[in-house]
PDB file of N, CA and C in Angstrom:
ATOM      1  N   UNK A   1     -71.482  41.855 -50.427  1.00  0.00           N
ATOM      2  CA  UNK A   1     -72.380  42.983 -50.413  1.00  0.00           C
ATOM      3  C   UNK A   1     -71.708  44.265 -50.914  1.00  0.00           C
ATOM      4  N   UNK A   2     -70.486  44.157 -51.443  1.00  0.00           N
ATOM      5  CA  UNK A   2     -69.780  45.326 -51.955  1.00  0.00           C
ATOM      6  C   UNK A   2     -70.234  45.593 -53.379  1.00  0.00           C
ATOM      7  N   UNK A   3     -70.445  46.881 -53.700  1.00  0.00           N
ATOM      8  CA  UNK A   3     -70.787  47.252 -55.063  1.00  0.00           C
ATOM      9  C   UNK A   3     -70.461  48.718 -55.269  1.00  0.00           C
ATOM     10  N   UNK A   4     -70.639  49.195 -56.471  1.00  0.00           N
ATOM     11  CA  UNK A   4     -70.370  50.591 -56.760  1.00  0.00           C
ATOM     12  C   UNK A   4     -68.966  50.797 -57.265  1.00  0.00           C
ATOM     13  N   UNK A   5     -68.376  51.917 -56.890  1.00  0.00           N
ATOM     14  CA  UNK A   5     -67.052  52.263 -57.395  1.00  0.00           C
ATOM     15  C   UNK A   5     -65.982  51.266 -56.975  1.00  0.00           C
ATOM     16  N   UNK A   6     -66.229  50.498 -55.936  1.00  0.00           N
ATOM     17  CA  UNK A   6     -65.259  49.493 -55.481  1.00  0.00           C
ATOM     18  C   UNK A   6     -65.434  48.156 -56.190  1.00  0.00           C
ATOM     19  N   UNK A   7     -66.444  48.012 -57.012  1.00  0.00           N
ATOM     20  CA  UNK A   7     -66.692  46.738 -57.688  1.00  0.00           C
ATOM     21  C   UNK A   7     -67.545  45.830 -56.831  1.00  0.00           C
ATOM     22  N   UNK A   8     -67.765  44.614 -57.296  1.00  0.00           N
ATOM     23  CA  UNK A   8     -68.642  43.682 -56.586  1.00  0.00           C
ATOM     24  C   UNK A   8     -67.887  42.546 -55.895  1.00  0.00           C
ATOM     25  N   UNK A   9     -66.636  42.311 -56.288  1.00  0.00           N
ATOM     26  CA  UNK A   9     -65.813  41.251 -55.705  1.00  0.00           C
ATOM     27  C   UNK A   9     -66.491  39.888 -55.770  1.00  0.00           C
ATOM     28  N   UNK A  10     -67.180  39.616 -56.871  1.00  0.00           N
ATOM     29  CA  UNK A  10     -67.783  38.295 -57.035  1.00  0.00           C
ATOM     30  C   UNK A  10     -67.155  37.530 -58.198  1.00  0.00           C
ATOM     31  N   UNK A  11     -66.053  38.023 -58.718  1.00  0.00           N
ATOM     32  CA  UNK A  11     -65.289  37.419 -59.809  1.00  0.00           C
ATOM     33  C   UNK A  11     -66.049  37.416 -61.128  1.00  0.00           C
ATOM     34  N   UNK A  12     -67.130  38.172 -61.228  1.00  0.00           N
ATOM     35  CA  UNK A  12     -67.892  38.290 -62.465  1.00  0.00           C
ATOM     36  C   UNK A  12     -67.720  39.719 -62.978  1.00  0.00           C
ATOM     37  N   UNK A  13     -66.852  39.895 -63.973  1.00  0.00           N
ATOM     38  CA  UNK A  13     -66.545  41.233 -64.463  1.00  0.00           C
ATOM     39  C   UNK A  13     -67.716  41.883 -65.194  1.00  0.00           C
ATOM     40  N   UNK A  14     -68.719  41.121 -65.554  1.00  0.00           N
ATOM     41  CA  UNK A  14     -69.860  41.685 -66.276  1.00  0.00           C
ATOM     42  C   UNK A  14     -70.687  42.640 -65.414  1.00  0.00           C
ATOM     43  N   UNK A  15     -70.579  42.546 -64.092  1.00  0.00           N
ATOM     44  CA  UNK A  15     -71.387  43.426 -63.243  1.00  0.00           C
ATOM     45  C   UNK A  15     -70.549  44.431 -62.442  1.00  0.00           C
ATOM     46  N   UNK A  16     -69.306  44.625 -62.833  1.00  0.00           N
ATOM     47  CA  UNK A  16     -68.453  45.556 -62.106  1.00  0.00           C
ATOM     48  C   UNK A  16     -68.905  47.001 -62.227  1.00  0.00           C
ATOM     49  N   UNK A  17     -69.586  47.367 -63.291  1.00  0.00           N
ATOM     50  CA  UNK A  17     -70.030  48.744 -63.480  1.00  0.00           C
ATOM     51  C   UNK A  17     -71.508  48.891 -63.123  1.00  0.00           C
ATOM     52  N   UNK A  18     -71.945  48.249 -62.028  1.00  0.00           N
ATOM     53  CA  UNK A  18     -73.316  48.358 -61.569  1.00  0.00           C
ATOM     54  C   UNK A  18     -73.524  49.721 -60.920  1.00  0.00           C
ATOM     55  N   UNK A  19     -74.533  50.443 -61.372  1.00  0.00           N
ATOM     56  CA  UNK A  19     -74.801  51.797 -60.897  1.00  0.00           C
ATOM     57  C   UNK A  19     -75.673  51.763 -59.644  1.00  0.00           C
ATOM     58  N   UNK A  20     -75.849  52.904 -58.981  1.00  0.00           N
ATOM     59  CA  UNK A  20     -76.725  52.939 -57.803  1.00  0.00           C
ATOM     60  C   UNK A  20     -78.158  52.503 -58.120  1.00  0.00           C
ATOM     61  N   UNK A  21     -78.592  52.697 -59.367  1.00  0.00           N
ATOM     62  CA  UNK A  21     -79.943  52.286 -59.767  1.00  0.00           C
ATOM     63  C   UNK A  21     -80.035  50.790 -60.067  1.00  0.00           C
ATOM     64  N   UNK A  22     -78.883  50.102 -60.109  1.00  0.00           N
ATOM     65  CA  UNK A  22     -78.878  48.669 -60.353  1.00  0.00           C
ATOM     66  C   UNK A  22     -78.636  48.265 -61.788  1.00  0.00           C
ATOM     67  N   UNK A  23     -78.561  49.247 -62.710  1.00  0.00           N
ATOM     68  CA  UNK A  23     -78.260  48.896 -64.095  1.00  0.00           C
ATOM     69  C   UNK A  23     -76.744  48.803 -64.272  1.00  0.00           C
ATOM     70  N   UNK A  24     -76.307  48.209 -65.358  1.00  0.00           N
ATOM     71  CA  UNK A  24     -74.884  48.018 -65.613  1.00  0.00           C
ATOM     72  C   UNK A  24     -74.478  48.879 -66.799  1.00  0.00           C
ATOM     73  N   UNK A  25     -73.538  49.779 -66.576  1.00  0.00           N
ATOM     74  CA  UNK A  25     -73.019  50.637 -67.644  1.00  0.00           C
ATOM     75  C   UNK A  25     -71.900  49.914 -68.372  1.00  0.00           C
ATOM     76  N   UNK A  26     -71.747  50.212 -69.648  1.00  0.00           N
ATOM     77  CA  UNK A  26     -70.713  49.571 -70.443  1.00  0.00           C
ATOM     78  C   UNK A  26     -69.430  50.405 -70.501  1.00  0.00           C
ATOM     79  N   UNK A  27     -69.535  51.709 -70.287  1.00  0.00           N
ATOM     80  CA  UNK A  27     -68.369  52.576 -70.372  1.00  0.00           C
ATOM     81  C   UNK A  27     -67.997  53.164 -69.026  1.00  0.00           C
ATOM     82  N   UNK A  28     -66.710  53.460 -68.857  1.00  0.00           N
ATOM     83  CA  UNK A  28     -66.199  53.987 -67.597  1.00  0.00           C
ATOM     84  C   UNK A  28     -66.782  55.367 -67.296  1.00  0.00           C
ATOM     85  N   UNK A  29     -66.799  56.254 -68.297  1.00  0.00           N
ATOM     86  CA  UNK A  29     -67.290  57.618 -68.066  1.00  0.00           C
ATOM     87  C   UNK A  29     -68.773  57.601 -67.687  1.00  0.00           C
ATOM     88  N   UNK A  30     -69.574  56.814 -68.395  1.00  0.00           N
ATOM     89  CA  UNK A  30     -71.004  56.733 -68.087  1.00  0.00           C
ATOM     90  C   UNK A  30     -71.216  56.189 -66.682  1.00  0.00           C
ATOM     91  N   UNK A  31     -70.426  55.191 -66.295  1.00  0.00           N
ATOM     92  CA  UNK A  31     -70.514  54.606 -64.960  1.00  0.00           C
ATOM     93  C   UNK A  31     -70.145  55.635 -63.894  1.00  0.00           C
ATOM     94  N   UNK A  32     -69.034  56.315 -64.074  1.00  0.00           N
ATOM     95  CA  UNK A  32     -68.574  57.297 -63.095  1.00  0.00           C
ATOM     96  C   UNK A  32     -69.563  58.447 -62.955  1.00  0.00           C
ATOM     97  N   UNK A  33     -70.176  58.855 -64.056  1.00  0.00           N
ATOM     98  CA  UNK A  33     -71.142  59.948 -64.003  1.00  0.00           C
ATOM     99  C   UNK A  33     -72.368  59.610 -63.157  1.00  0.00           C
ATOM    100  N   UNK A  34     -72.704  58.331 -63.031  1.00  0.00           N
ATOM    101  CA  UNK A  34     -73.845  57.925 -62.210  1.00  0.00           C
ATOM    102  C   UNK A  34     -73.588  58.177 -60.729  1.00  0.00           C
ATOM    103  N   UNK A  35     -72.306  58.308 -60.335  1.00  0.00           N
ATOM    104  CA  UNK A  35     -71.936  58.527 -58.940  1.00  0.00           C
ATOM    105  C   UNK A  35     -71.606  59.991 -58.641  1.00  0.00           C
ATOM    106  N   UNK A  36     -71.782  60.860 -59.618  1.00  0.00           N
ATOM    107  CA  UNK A  36     -71.485  62.275 -59.419  1.00  0.00           C
ATOM    108  C   UNK A  36     -72.453  62.883 -58.414  1.00  0.00           C
ATOM    109  N   UNK A  37     -71.942  63.794 -57.604  1.00  0.00           N
ATOM    110  CA  UNK A  37     -72.772  64.538 -56.670  1.00  0.00           C
ATOM    111  C   UNK A  37     -73.155  65.843 -57.351  1.00  0.00           C
ATOM    112  N   UNK A  38     -74.428  66.149 -57.469  1.00  0.00           N
ATOM    113  CA  UNK A  38     -74.834  67.380 -58.146  1.00  0.00           C
ATOM    114  C   UNK A  38     -74.132  68.603 -57.565  1.00  0.00           C
ATOM    115  N   UNK A  39     -73.576  69.406 -58.454  1.00  0.00           N
ATOM    116  CA  UNK A  39     -72.916  70.634 -58.041  1.00  0.00           C
ATOM    117  C   UNK A  39     -71.425  70.512 -57.823  1.00  0.00           C
ATOM    118  N   UNK A  40     -70.898  69.303 -57.650  1.00  0.00           N
ATOM    119  CA  UNK A  40     -69.461  69.145 -57.400  1.00  0.00           C
ATOM    120  C   UNK A  40     -68.632  69.381 -58.655  1.00  0.00           C
ATOM    121  N   UNK A  41     -69.049  68.823 -59.767  1.00  0.00           N
ATOM    122  CA  UNK A  41     -68.321  68.954 -61.025  1.00  0.00           C
ATOM    123  C   UNK A  41     -69.323  69.371 -62.089  1.00  0.00           C
ATOM    124  N   UNK A  42     -69.191  70.567 -62.629  1.00  0.00           N
ATOM    125  CA  UNK A  42     -70.183  71.031 -63.597  1.00  0.00           C
ATOM    126  C   UNK A  42     -70.182  70.290 -64.926  1.00  0.00           C
ATOM    127  N   UNK A  43     -69.086  69.667 -65.308  1.00  0.00           N
ATOM    128  CA  UNK A  43     -69.003  68.967 -66.590  1.00  0.00           C
ATOM    129  C   UNK A  43     -68.965  67.462 -66.330  1.00  0.00           C
ATOM    130  N   UNK A  44     -69.928  66.683 -66.862  1.00  0.00           N
ATOM    131  CA  UNK A  44     -69.869  65.226 -66.698  1.00  0.00           C
ATOM    132  C   UNK A  44     -68.590  64.649 -67.293  1.00  0.00           C
ATOM    133  N   UNK A  45     -68.085  63.609 -66.672  1.00  0.00           N
ATOM    134  CA  UNK A  45     -66.874  62.951 -67.159  1.00  0.00           C
ATOM    135  C   UNK A  45     -67.069  62.463 -68.572  1.00  0.00           C
ATOM    136  N   UNK A  46     -66.028  62.551 -69.368  1.00  0.00           N
ATOM    137  CA  UNK A  46     -66.068  62.051 -70.726  1.00  0.00           C
ATOM    138  C   UNK A  46     -66.608  63.047 -71.736  1.00  0.00           C
ATOM    139  N   UNK A  47     -67.049  64.231 -71.274  1.00  0.00           N
ATOM    140  CA  UNK A  47     -67.599  65.203 -72.213  1.00  0.00           C
ATOM    141  C   UNK A  47     -66.733  66.442 -72.352  1.00  0.00           C
ATOM    142  N   UNK A  48     -65.757  66.604 -71.493  1.00  0.00           N
ATOM    143  CA  UNK A  48     -64.919  67.798 -71.544  1.00  0.00           C
ATOM    144  C   UNK A  48     -63.483  67.450 -71.873  1.00  0.00           C
ATOM    145  N   UNK A  49     -62.734  68.429 -72.337  1.00  0.00           N
ATOM    146  CA  UNK A  49     -61.329  68.188 -72.673  1.00  0.00           C
ATOM    147  C   UNK A  49     -60.430  68.229 -71.441  1.00  0.00           C
ATOM    148  N   UNK A  50     -59.272  67.595 -71.561  1.00  0.00           N
ATOM    149  CA  UNK A  50     -58.216  67.744 -70.568  1.00  0.00           C
ATOM    150  C   UNK A  50     -58.377  66.954 -69.288  1.00  0.00           C
ATOM    151  N   UNK A  51     -57.483  67.236 -68.375  1.00  0.00           N
ATOM    152  CA  UNK A  51     -57.404  66.582 -67.074  1.00  0.00           C
ATOM    153  C   UNK A  51     -58.387  67.260 -66.125  1.00  0.00           C
ATOM    154  N   UNK A  52     -59.274  66.480 -65.512  1.00  0.00           N
ATOM    155  CA  UNK A  52     -60.255  67.076 -64.611  1.00  0.00           C
ATOM    156  C   UNK A  52     -59.607  67.743 -63.413  1.00  0.00           C
ATOM    157  N   UNK A  53     -58.443  67.277 -62.983  1.00  0.00           N
ATOM    158  CA  UNK A  53     -57.758  67.926 -61.863  1.00  0.00           C
ATOM    159  C   UNK A  53     -57.280  69.323 -62.253  1.00  0.00           C
ATOM    160  N   UNK A  54     -56.938  69.516 -63.515  1.00  0.00           N
ATOM    161  CA  UNK A  54     -56.546  70.841 -63.968  1.00  0.00           C
ATOM    162  C   UNK A  54     -57.753  71.773 -64.019  1.00  0.00           C
ATOM    163  N   UNK A  55     -58.926  71.221 -64.322  1.00  0.00           N
ATOM    164  CA  UNK A  55     -60.136  72.029 -64.434  1.00  0.00           C
ATOM    165  C   UNK A  55     -60.666  72.447 -63.066  1.00  0.00           C
ATOM    166  N   UNK A  56     -60.373  71.663 -62.035  1.00  0.00           N
ATOM    167  CA  UNK A  56     -60.884  71.940 -60.693  1.00  0.00           C
ATOM    168  C   UNK A  56     -59.710  72.093 -59.734  1.00  0.00           C
ATOM    169  N   UNK A  57     -59.108  73.261 -59.769  1.00  0.00           N
ATOM    170  CA  UNK A  57     -57.933  73.547 -58.954  1.00  0.00           C
ATOM    171  C   UNK A  57     -58.275  73.319 -57.482  1.00  0.00           C
ATOM    172  N   UNK A  58     -57.372  72.660 -56.777  1.00  0.00           N
ATOM    173  CA  UNK A  58     -57.585  72.390 -55.360  1.00  0.00           C
ATOM    174  C   UNK A  58     -58.270  71.065 -55.098  1.00  0.00           C
ATOM    175  N   UNK A  59     -58.762  70.413 -56.115  1.00  0.00           N
ATOM    176  CA  UNK A  59     -59.452  69.140 -55.932  1.00  0.00           C
ATOM    177  C   UNK A  59     -58.508  67.938 -56.021  1.00  0.00           C
ATOM    178  N   UNK A  60     -57.306  68.137 -56.586  1.00  0.00           N
ATOM    179  CA  UNK A  60     -56.368  67.032 -56.728  1.00  0.00           C
ATOM    180  C   UNK A  60     -56.040  66.407 -55.365  1.00  0.00           C
ATOM    181  N   UNK A  61     -55.777  67.241 -54.366  1.00  0.00           N
ATOM    182  CA  UNK A  61     -55.442  66.740 -53.033  1.00  0.00           C
ATOM    183  C   UNK A  61     -56.610  65.948 -52.440  1.00  0.00           C
ATOM    184  N   UNK A  62     -57.816  66.450 -52.630  1.00  0.00           N
ATOM    185  CA  UNK A  62     -59.001  65.758 -52.139  1.00  0.00           C
ATOM    186  C   UNK A  62     -59.158  64.401 -52.824  1.00  0.00           C
ATOM    187  N   UNK A  63     -58.962  64.376 -54.133  1.00  0.00           N
ATOM    188  CA  UNK A  63     -59.079  63.124 -54.886  1.00  0.00           C
ATOM    189  C   UNK A  63     -58.000  62.133 -54.479  1.00  0.00           C
ATOM    190  N   UNK A  64     -56.772  62.617 -54.292  1.00  0.00           N
ATOM    191  CA  UNK A  64     -55.686  61.724 -53.892  1.00  0.00           C
ATOM    192  C   UNK A  64     -55.928  61.145 -52.505  1.00  0.00           C
ATOM    193  N   UNK A  65     -56.480  61.940 -51.598  1.00  0.00           N
ATOM    194  CA  UNK A  65     -56.787  61.438 -50.255  1.00  0.00           C
ATOM    195  C   UNK A  65     -57.878  60.370 -50.306  1.00  0.00           C
ATOM    196  N   UNK A  66     -58.894  60.598 -51.137  1.00  0.00           N
ATOM    197  CA  UNK A  66     -59.969  59.616 -51.277  1.00  0.00           C
ATOM    198  C   UNK A  66     -59.452  58.330 -51.906  1.00  0.00           C
ATOM    199  N   UNK A  67     -58.608  58.453 -52.921  1.00  0.00           N
ATOM    200  CA  UNK A  67     -58.056  57.268 -53.583  1.00  0.00           C
ATOM    201  C   UNK A  67     -57.096  56.506 -52.674  1.00  0.00           C
ATOM    202  N   UNK A  68     -56.443  57.208 -51.772  1.00  0.00           N
ATOM    203  CA  UNK A  68     -55.520  56.536 -50.843  1.00  0.00           C
ATOM    204  C   UNK A  68     -56.260  55.508 -50.000  1.00  0.00           C
ATOM    205  N   UNK A  69     -57.507  55.798 -49.671  1.00  0.00           N
ATOM    206  CA  UNK A  69     -58.307  54.839 -48.909  1.00  0.00           C
ATOM    207  C   UNK A  69     -58.530  53.580 -49.733  1.00  0.00           C
ATOM    208  N   UNK A  70     -58.846  53.747 -51.016  1.00  0.00           N
ATOM    209  CA  UNK A  70     -59.083  52.591 -51.886  1.00  0.00           C
ATOM    210  C   UNK A  70     -57.820  51.791 -52.138  1.00  0.00           C
ATOM    211  N   UNK A  71     -56.670  52.444 -52.053  1.00  0.00           N
ATOM    212  CA  UNK A  71     -55.394  51.751 -52.257  1.00  0.00           C
ATOM    213  C   UNK A  71     -54.835  51.191 -50.957  1.00  0.00           C
ATOM    214  N   UNK A  72     -55.499  51.453 -49.860  1.00  0.00           N
ATOM    215  CA  UNK A  72     -55.036  51.033 -48.540  1.00  0.00           C
ATOM    216  C   UNK A  72     -55.294  49.571 -48.242  1.00  0.00           C
ATOM    217  N   UNK A  73     -54.911  49.143 -47.050  1.00  0.00           N
ATOM    218  CA  UNK A  73     -54.997  47.733 -46.673  1.00  0.00           C
ATOM    219  C   UNK A  73     -56.429  47.162 -46.659  1.00  0.00           C
ATOM    220  N   UNK A  74     -57.429  47.992 -46.455  1.00  0.00           N
ATOM    221  CA  UNK A  74     -58.813  47.473 -46.403  1.00  0.00           C
ATOM    222  C   UNK A  74     -59.252  46.892 -47.739  1.00  0.00           C
ATOM    223  N   UNK A  75     -58.648  47.358 -48.839  1.00  0.00           N
ATOM    224  CA  UNK A  75     -59.057  46.894 -50.172  1.00  0.00           C
ATOM    225  C   UNK A  75     -57.997  46.046 -50.851  1.00  0.00           C
ATOM    226  N   UNK A  76     -57.001  45.601 -50.131  1.00  0.00           N
ATOM    227  CA  UNK A  76     -55.953  44.774 -50.748  1.00  0.00           C
ATOM    228  C   UNK A  76     -56.276  43.307 -50.619  1.00  0.00           C
TER     229      UNK A  76
END
């Protein structure tokens, strides 16, 4: 029953980029943009230059904390 940014864990890579609407995106930026929260990041991923952490000062720590959960024992 896992899906979204964590993948589906069904060994079928064709559906790993399933969006909240149930469609499958072919590109990483398009997929990630489907999970954006309105107002959090003014520029959709893949459309702006540079490192997004540089563009949003203070967000690097928040992103690293969120990613630490995905890298933790629950997802290994």
